[in-house]
Every structure is written in C-alpha cells, then in structure tokens.
Amino acid sequence: MKGKDRDKDRWLTKVRMPYEGTFSRMRKRTWYRGTMKNQFEGFLEALAFNFKRLVKIKTPPLEFKPLEE
C-alpha cells in the first residue's frame, strides 16, 4: 500500500502483543447454547488462566537448604 502508516502499525502491534498471546491459548469453541452461558464460560476460562499465570508469577524462588545431620 502506498499510503500505509507504518508508525501506526508498529504502535498497534506493541499495544496488542500482550493480549494476542493470551487469547491464542484460550479455546475458540463453546459447549453451550445461549449468550449468558457462553459469557459465563468465557469468564471462568479467563479466571482460570489468570490464576494459573498468577501462580507462576508470584511463586517464590526455591531455596535449597543443606540437610542437618
């Protein structure tokens, strides 16, 4: 494209990048019929994903202590 705004594209890529990975790991299909059930399922999936990520982020480093004899 001749009039393509490359600076805008770079900015949009930086803004979207953290979220694209998150959504790519979530399921694309649902098991339920109806808007309320599907919204609730999406909410629970996002909650579970965030809890898993929180556990990985907030886990303290392992400390190895020598065995006392």
PDB file of N, CA and C in Angstrom:
ATOM      1  N   MET A   1       0.830  -1.181   0.000  1.00  0.00           N
ATOM      2  CA  MET A   1       0.000   0.000   0.000  1.00  0.00           C
ATOM      3  C   MET A   1       0.873   1.242   0.000  1.00  0.00           C
ATOM      4  N   LYS A   2       0.511   2.199  -0.801  1.00  0.00           N
ATOM      5  CA  LYS A   2       1.316   3.408  -0.912  1.00  0.00           C
ATOM      6  C   LYS A   2       1.168   4.301   0.313  1.00  0.00           C
ATOM      7  N   GLY A   3      -0.046   4.476   0.816  1.00  0.00           N
ATOM      8  CA  GLY A   3      -0.275   5.403   1.920  1.00  0.00           C
ATOM      9  C   GLY A   3      -0.277   4.732   3.293  1.00  0.00           C
ATOM     10  N   LYS A   4       0.418   3.620   3.414  1.00  0.00           N
ATOM     11  CA  LYS A   4       0.396   2.865   4.664  1.00  0.00           C
ATOM     12  C   LYS A   4       1.154   3.616   5.758  1.00  0.00           C
ATOM     13  N   ASP A   5       0.546   3.694   6.931  1.00  0.00           N
ATOM     14  CA  ASP A   5       1.152   4.389   8.062  1.00  0.00           C
ATOM     15  C   ASP A   5       1.906   3.358   8.919  1.00  0.00           C
ATOM     16  N   ARG A   6       3.189   3.212   8.684  1.00  0.00           N
ATOM     17  CA  ARG A   6       3.988   2.182   9.356  1.00  0.00           C
ATOM     18  C   ARG A   6       4.177   2.487  10.849  1.00  0.00           C
ATOM     19  N   ASP A   7       4.246   3.735  11.204  1.00  0.00           N
ATOM     20  CA  ASP A   7       4.380   4.090  12.624  1.00  0.00           C
ATOM     21  C   ASP A   7       3.136   3.671  13.410  1.00  0.00           C
ATOM     22  N   LYS A   8       1.982   3.881  12.821  1.00  0.00           N
ATOM     23  CA  LYS A   8       0.735   3.469  13.472  1.00  0.00           C
ATOM     24  C   LYS A   8       0.684   1.943  13.613  1.00  0.00           C
ATOM     25  N   ASP A   9       1.123   1.217  12.582  1.00  0.00           N
ATOM     26  CA  ASP A   9       1.140  -0.236  12.638  1.00  0.00           C
ATOM     27  C   ASP A   9       2.080  -0.742  13.730  1.00  0.00           C
ATOM     28  N   ARG A  10       3.244  -0.133  13.868  1.00  0.00           N
ATOM     29  CA  ARG A  10       4.183  -0.528  14.934  1.00  0.00           C
ATOM     30  C   ARG A  10       3.573  -0.271  16.309  1.00  0.00           C
ATOM     31  N   TRP A  11       2.919   0.858  16.465  1.00  0.00           N
ATOM     32  CA  TRP A  11       2.295   1.186  17.746  1.00  0.00           C
ATOM     33  C   TRP A  11       1.188   0.193  18.075  1.00  0.00           C
ATOM     34  N   LEU A  12       0.321  -0.111  17.101  1.00  0.00           N
ATOM     35  CA  LEU A  12      -0.755  -1.061  17.324  1.00  0.00           C
ATOM     36  C   LEU A  12      -0.210  -2.443  17.676  1.00  0.00           C
ATOM     37  N   THR A  13       0.874  -2.852  17.043  1.00  0.00           N
ATOM     38  CA  THR A  13       1.474  -4.143  17.343  1.00  0.00           C
ATOM     39  C   THR A  13       1.957  -4.187  18.782  1.00  0.00           C
ATOM     40  N   LYS A  14       2.581  -3.131  19.250  1.00  0.00           N
ATOM     41  CA  LYS A  14       3.061  -3.086  20.635  1.00  0.00           C
ATOM     42  C   LYS A  14       1.911  -3.111  21.630  1.00  0.00           C
ATOM     43  N   VAL A  15       0.798  -2.477  21.290  1.00  0.00           N
ATOM     44  CA  VAL A  15      -0.350  -2.439  22.188  1.00  0.00           C
ATOM     45  C   VAL A  15      -1.046  -3.801  22.234  1.00  0.00           C
ATOM     46  N   ARG A  16      -1.191  -4.452  21.093  1.00  0.00           N
ATOM     47  CA  ARG A  16      -1.936  -5.709  21.026  1.00  0.00           C
ATOM     48  C   ARG A  16      -1.123  -6.928  21.438  1.00  0.00           C
ATOM     49  N   MET A  17       0.191  -6.862  21.380  1.00  0.00           N
ATOM     50  CA  MET A  17       1.040  -8.023  21.583  1.00  0.00           C
ATOM     51  C   MET A  17       0.797  -8.752  22.905  1.00  0.00           C
ATOM     52  N   PRO A  18       0.681  -8.089  24.073  1.00  0.00           N
ATOM     53  CA  PRO A  18       0.478  -8.847  25.308  1.00  0.00           C
ATOM     54  C   PRO A  18      -0.847  -9.610  25.348  1.00  0.00           C
ATOM     55  N   TYR A  19      -1.856  -9.118  24.658  1.00  0.00           N
ATOM     56  CA  TYR A  19      -3.174  -9.744  24.708  1.00  0.00           C
ATOM     57  C   TYR A  19      -3.347 -10.835  23.670  1.00  0.00           C
ATOM     58  N   GLU A  20      -2.655 -10.730  22.559  1.00  0.00           N
ATOM     59  CA  GLU A  20      -2.801 -11.718  21.496  1.00  0.00           C
ATOM     60  C   GLU A  20      -2.385 -13.097  21.991  1.00  0.00           C
ATOM     61  N   GLY A  21      -1.306 -13.178  22.752  1.00  0.00           N
ATOM     62  CA  GLY A  21      -0.852 -14.468  23.263  1.00  0.00           C
ATOM     63  C   GLY A  21      -1.853 -15.086  24.215  1.00  0.00           C
ATOM     64  N   THR A  22      -2.476 -14.255  25.028  1.00  0.00           N
ATOM     65  CA  THR A  22      -3.465 -14.749  25.984  1.00  0.00           C
ATOM     66  C   THR A  22      -4.663 -15.339  25.260  1.00  0.00           C
ATOM     67  N   PHE A  23      -5.198 -14.633  24.291  1.00  0.00           N
ATOM     68  CA  PHE A  23      -6.373 -15.118  23.578  1.00  0.00           C
ATOM     69  C   PHE A  23      -6.058 -16.316  22.699  1.00  0.00           C
ATOM     70  N   SER A  24      -4.822 -16.439  22.244  1.00  0.00           N
ATOM     71  CA  SER A  24      -4.487 -17.577  21.393  1.00  0.00           C
ATOM     72  C   SER A  24      -4.472 -18.873  22.196  1.00  0.00           C
ATOM     73  N   ARG A  25      -4.286 -18.806  23.512  1.00  0.00           N
ATOM     74  CA  ARG A  25      -4.258 -20.012  24.344  1.00  0.00           C
ATOM     75  C   ARG A  25      -5.640 -20.451  24.798  1.00  0.00           C
ATOM     76  N   MET A  26      -6.636 -19.620  24.623  1.00  0.00           N
ATOM     77  CA  MET A  26      -7.986 -19.958  25.063  1.00  0.00           C
ATOM     78  C   MET A  26      -8.710 -20.746  23.971  1.00  0.00           C
ATOM     79  N   ARG A  27      -9.709 -21.512  24.391  1.00  0.00           N
ATOM     80  CA  ARG A  27     -10.492 -22.288  23.429  1.00  0.00           C
ATOM     81  C   ARG A  27     -11.304 -21.364  22.529  1.00  0.00           C
ATOM     82  N   LYS A  28     -11.523 -21.806  21.320  1.00  0.00           N
ATOM     83  CA  LYS A  28     -12.257 -20.988  20.356  1.00  0.00           C
ATOM     84  C   LYS A  28     -13.742 -21.361  20.291  1.00  0.00           C
ATOM     85  N   ARG A  29     -14.089 -22.576  20.721  1.00  0.00           N
ATOM     86  CA  ARG A  29     -15.467 -23.042  20.624  1.00  0.00           C
ATOM     87  C   ARG A  29     -16.064 -23.178  22.018  1.00  0.00           C
ATOM     88  N   THR A  30     -17.381 -23.164  22.063  1.00  0.00           N
ATOM     89  CA  THR A  30     -18.071 -23.320  23.337  1.00  0.00           C
ATOM     90  C   THR A  30     -18.979 -24.533  23.287  1.00  0.00           C
ATOM     91  N   TRP A  31     -19.356 -25.000  24.456  1.00  0.00           N
ATOM     92  CA  TRP A  31     -20.203 -26.181  24.561  1.00  0.00           C
ATOM     93  C   TRP A  31     -21.676 -25.813  24.713  1.00  0.00           C
ATOM     94  N   TYR A  32     -21.953 -24.577  25.029  1.00  0.00           N
ATOM     95  CA  TYR A  32     -23.299 -24.211  25.433  1.00  0.00           C
ATOM     96  C   TYR A  32     -24.030 -23.418  24.365  1.00  0.00           C
ATOM     97  N   ARG A  33     -25.359 -23.383  24.492  1.00  0.00           N
ATOM     98  CA  ARG A  33     -26.185 -22.534  23.647  1.00  0.00           C
ATOM     99  C   ARG A  33     -26.710 -21.410  24.512  1.00  0.00           C
ATOM    100  N   GLY A  34     -26.685 -20.221  23.989  1.00  0.00           N
ATOM    101  CA  GLY A  34     -27.184 -19.077  24.733  1.00  0.00           C
ATOM    102  C   GLY A  34     -26.060 -18.141  25.131  1.00  0.00           C
ATOM    103  N   THR A  35     -26.363 -16.879  25.115  1.00  0.00           N
ATOM    104  CA  THR A  35     -25.361 -15.852  25.383  1.00  0.00           C
ATOM    105  C   THR A  35     -24.873 -15.877  26.819  1.00  0.00           C
ATOM    106  N   MET A  36     -25.785 -16.005  27.772  1.00  0.00           N
ATOM    107  CA  MET A  36     -25.393 -15.957  29.185  1.00  0.00           C
ATOM    108  C   MET A  36     -24.451 -17.101  29.550  1.00  0.00           C
ATOM    109  N   LYS A  37     -24.754 -18.294  29.096  1.00  0.00           N
ATOM    110  CA  LYS A  37     -23.918 -19.452  29.414  1.00  0.00           C
ATOM    111  C   LYS A  37     -22.542 -19.313  28.779  1.00  0.00           C
ATOM    112  N   ASN A  38     -22.488 -18.826  27.550  1.00  0.00           N
ATOM    113  CA  ASN A  38     -21.204 -18.660  26.873  1.00  0.00           C
ATOM    114  C   ASN A  38     -20.373 -17.558  27.517  1.00  0.00           C
ATOM    115  N   GLN A  39     -21.011 -16.471  27.930  1.00  0.00           N
ATOM    116  CA  GLN A  39     -20.273 -15.416  28.617  1.00  0.00           C
ATOM    117  C   GLN A  39     -19.717 -15.922  29.943  1.00  0.00           C
ATOM    118  N   PHE A  40     -20.511 -16.710  30.658  1.00  0.00           N
ATOM    119  CA  PHE A  40     -20.065 -17.256  31.931  1.00  0.00           C
ATOM    120  C   PHE A  40     -18.896 -18.213  31.722  1.00  0.00           C
ATOM    121  N   GLU A  41     -18.961 -19.049  30.679  1.00  0.00           N
ATOM    122  CA  GLU A  41     -17.859 -19.965  30.389  1.00  0.00           C
ATOM    123  C   GLU A  41     -16.586 -19.183  30.047  1.00  0.00           C
ATOM    124  N   GLY A  42     -16.713 -18.147  29.240  1.00  0.00           N
ATOM    125  CA  GLY A  42     -15.547 -17.326  28.896  1.00  0.00           C
ATOM    126  C   GLY A  42     -14.958 -16.654  30.123  1.00  0.00           C
ATOM    127  N   PHE A  43     -15.820 -16.179  31.015  1.00  0.00           N
ATOM    128  CA  PHE A  43     -15.358 -15.556  32.251  1.00  0.00           C
ATOM    129  C   PHE A  43     -14.579 -16.559  33.104  1.00  0.00           C
ATOM    130  N   LEU A  44     -15.105 -17.773  33.238  1.00  0.00           N
ATOM    131  CA  LEU A  44     -14.423 -18.782  34.051  1.00  0.00           C
ATOM    132  C   LEU A  44     -13.099 -19.218  33.415  1.00  0.00           C
ATOM    133  N   GLU A  45     -13.069 -19.323  32.101  1.00  0.00           N
ATOM    134  CA  GLU A  45     -11.813 -19.663  31.428  1.00  0.00           C
ATOM    135  C   GLU A  45     -10.764 -18.584  31.655  1.00  0.00           C
ATOM    136  N   ALA A  46     -11.161 -17.334  31.522  1.00  0.00           N
ATOM    137  CA  ALA A  46     -10.224 -16.230  31.748  1.00  0.00           C
ATOM    138  C   ALA A  46      -9.759 -16.203  33.200  1.00  0.00           C
ATOM    139  N   LEU A  47     -10.661 -16.478  34.124  1.00  0.00           N
ATOM    140  CA  LEU A  47     -10.305 -16.516  35.543  1.00  0.00           C
ATOM    141  C   LEU A  47      -9.297 -17.625  35.823  1.00  0.00           C
ATOM    142  N   ALA A  48      -9.545 -18.803  35.276  1.00  0.00           N
ATOM    143  CA  ALA A  48      -8.621 -19.926  35.472  1.00  0.00           C
ATOM    144  C   ALA A  48      -7.258 -19.621  34.852  1.00  0.00           C
ATOM    145  N   PHE A  49      -7.262 -19.031  33.664  1.00  0.00           N
ATOM    146  CA  PHE A  49      -5.998 -18.686  33.002  1.00  0.00           C
ATOM    147  C   PHE A  49      -5.214 -17.684  33.848  1.00  0.00           C
ATOM    148  N   ASN A  50      -5.902 -16.688  34.403  1.00  0.00           N
ATOM    149  CA  ASN A  50      -5.223 -15.679  35.211  1.00  0.00           C
ATOM    150  C   ASN A  50      -4.693 -16.266  36.521  1.00  0.00           C
ATOM    151  N   PHE A  51      -5.441 -17.198  37.123  1.00  0.00           N
ATOM    152  CA  PHE A  51      -4.946 -17.842  38.337  1.00  0.00           C
ATOM    153  C   PHE A  51      -3.692 -18.664  38.056  1.00  0.00           C
ATOM    154  N   LYS A  52      -3.684 -19.393  36.946  1.00  0.00           N
ATOM    155  CA  LYS A  52      -2.502 -20.172  36.577  1.00  0.00           C
ATOM    156  C   LYS A  52      -1.299 -19.244  36.370  1.00  0.00           C
ATOM    157  N   ARG A  53      -1.533 -18.145  35.685  1.00  0.00           N
ATOM    158  CA  ARG A  53      -0.449 -17.194  35.425  1.00  0.00           C
ATOM    159  C   ARG A  53       0.027 -16.545  36.717  1.00  0.00           C
ATOM    160  N   LEU A  54      -0.904 -16.239  37.629  1.00  0.00           N
ATOM    161  CA  LEU A  54      -0.552 -15.628  38.898  1.00  0.00           C
ATOM    162  C   LEU A  54       0.321 -16.554  39.728  1.00  0.00           C
ATOM    163  N   VAL A  55       0.003 -17.840  39.714  1.00  0.00           N
ATOM    164  CA  VAL A  55       0.801 -18.811  40.464  1.00  0.00           C
ATOM    165  C   VAL A  55       2.216 -18.850  39.914  1.00  0.00           C
ATOM    166  N   LYS A  56       2.365 -18.803  38.603  1.00  0.00           N
ATOM    167  CA  LYS A  56       3.689 -18.835  38.000  1.00  0.00           C
ATOM    168  C   LYS A  56       4.464 -17.557  38.310  1.00  0.00           C
ATOM    169  N   ILE A  57       3.783 -16.418  38.305  1.00  0.00           N
ATOM    170  CA  ILE A  57       4.458 -15.142  38.524  1.00  0.00           C
ATOM    171  C   ILE A  57       4.837 -14.956  39.987  1.00  0.00           C
ATOM    172  N   LYS A  58       3.937 -15.283  40.919  1.00  0.00           N
ATOM    173  CA  LYS A  58       4.130 -14.999  42.328  1.00  0.00           C
ATOM    174  C   LYS A  58       4.834 -16.109  43.108  1.00  0.00           C
ATOM    175  N   THR A  59       5.253 -17.170  42.453  1.00  0.00           N
ATOM    176  CA  THR A  59       5.910 -18.253  43.157  1.00  0.00           C
ATOM    177  C   THR A  59       7.286 -17.784  43.633  1.00  0.00           C
ATOM    178  N   PRO A  60       7.561 -17.913  44.931  1.00  0.00           N
ATOM    179  CA  PRO A  60       8.884 -17.500  45.422  1.00  0.00           C
ATOM    180  C   PRO A  60       9.947 -18.460  44.909  1.00  0.00           C
ATOM    181  N   PRO A  61      11.169 -17.982  44.780  1.00  0.00           N
ATOM    182  CA  PRO A  61      12.234 -18.867  44.294  1.00  0.00           C
ATOM    183  C   PRO A  61      12.489 -19.998  45.291  1.00  0.00           C
ATOM    184  N   LEU A  62      12.911 -21.113  44.773  1.00  0.00           N
ATOM    185  CA  LEU A  62      13.195 -22.267  45.618  1.00  0.00           C
ATOM    186  C   LEU A  62      14.494 -22.047  46.385  1.00  0.00           C
ATOM    187  N   GLU A  63      14.468 -22.406  47.648  1.00  0.00           N
ATOM    188  CA  GLU A  63      15.677 -22.328  48.466  1.00  0.00           C
ATOM    189  C   GLU A  63      16.084 -23.734  48.854  1.00  0.00           C
ATOM    190  N   PHE A  64      17.318 -24.078  48.584  1.00  0.00           N
ATOM    191  CA  PHE A  64      17.820 -25.390  48.939  1.00  0.00           C
ATOM    192  C   PHE A  64      18.662 -25.244  50.193  1.00  0.00           C
ATOM    193  N   LYS A  65      18.241 -25.932  51.249  1.00  0.00           N
ATOM    194  CA  LYS A  65      18.974 -25.898  52.499  1.00  0.00           C
ATOM    195  C   LYS A  65      19.679 -27.230  52.690  1.00  0.00           C
ATOM    196  N   PRO A  66      20.901 -27.190  53.167  1.00  0.00           N
ATOM    197  CA  PRO A  66      21.602 -28.453  53.375  1.00  0.00           C
ATOM    198  C   PRO A  66      20.943 -29.249  54.512  1.00  0.00           C
ATOM    199  N   LEU A  67      20.963 -30.545  54.369  1.00  0.00           N
ATOM    200  CA  LEU A  67      20.401 -31.405  55.407  1.00  0.00           C
ATOM    201  C   LEU A  67      21.305 -31.398  56.628  1.00  0.00           C
ATOM    202  N   GLU A  68      20.704 -31.228  57.769  1.00  0.00           N
ATOM    203  CA  GLU A  68      21.482 -31.237  59.012  1.00  0.00           C
ATOM    204  C   GLU A  68      21.548 -32.667  59.524  1.00  0.00           C
ATOM    205  N   GLU A  69      22.755 -33.100  59.855  1.00  0.00           N
ATOM    206  CA  GLU A  69      22.933 -34.460  60.376  1.00  0.00           C
ATOM    207  C   GLU A  69      23.370 -34.429  61.794  1.00  0.00           C
TER     208      GLU A  69
END
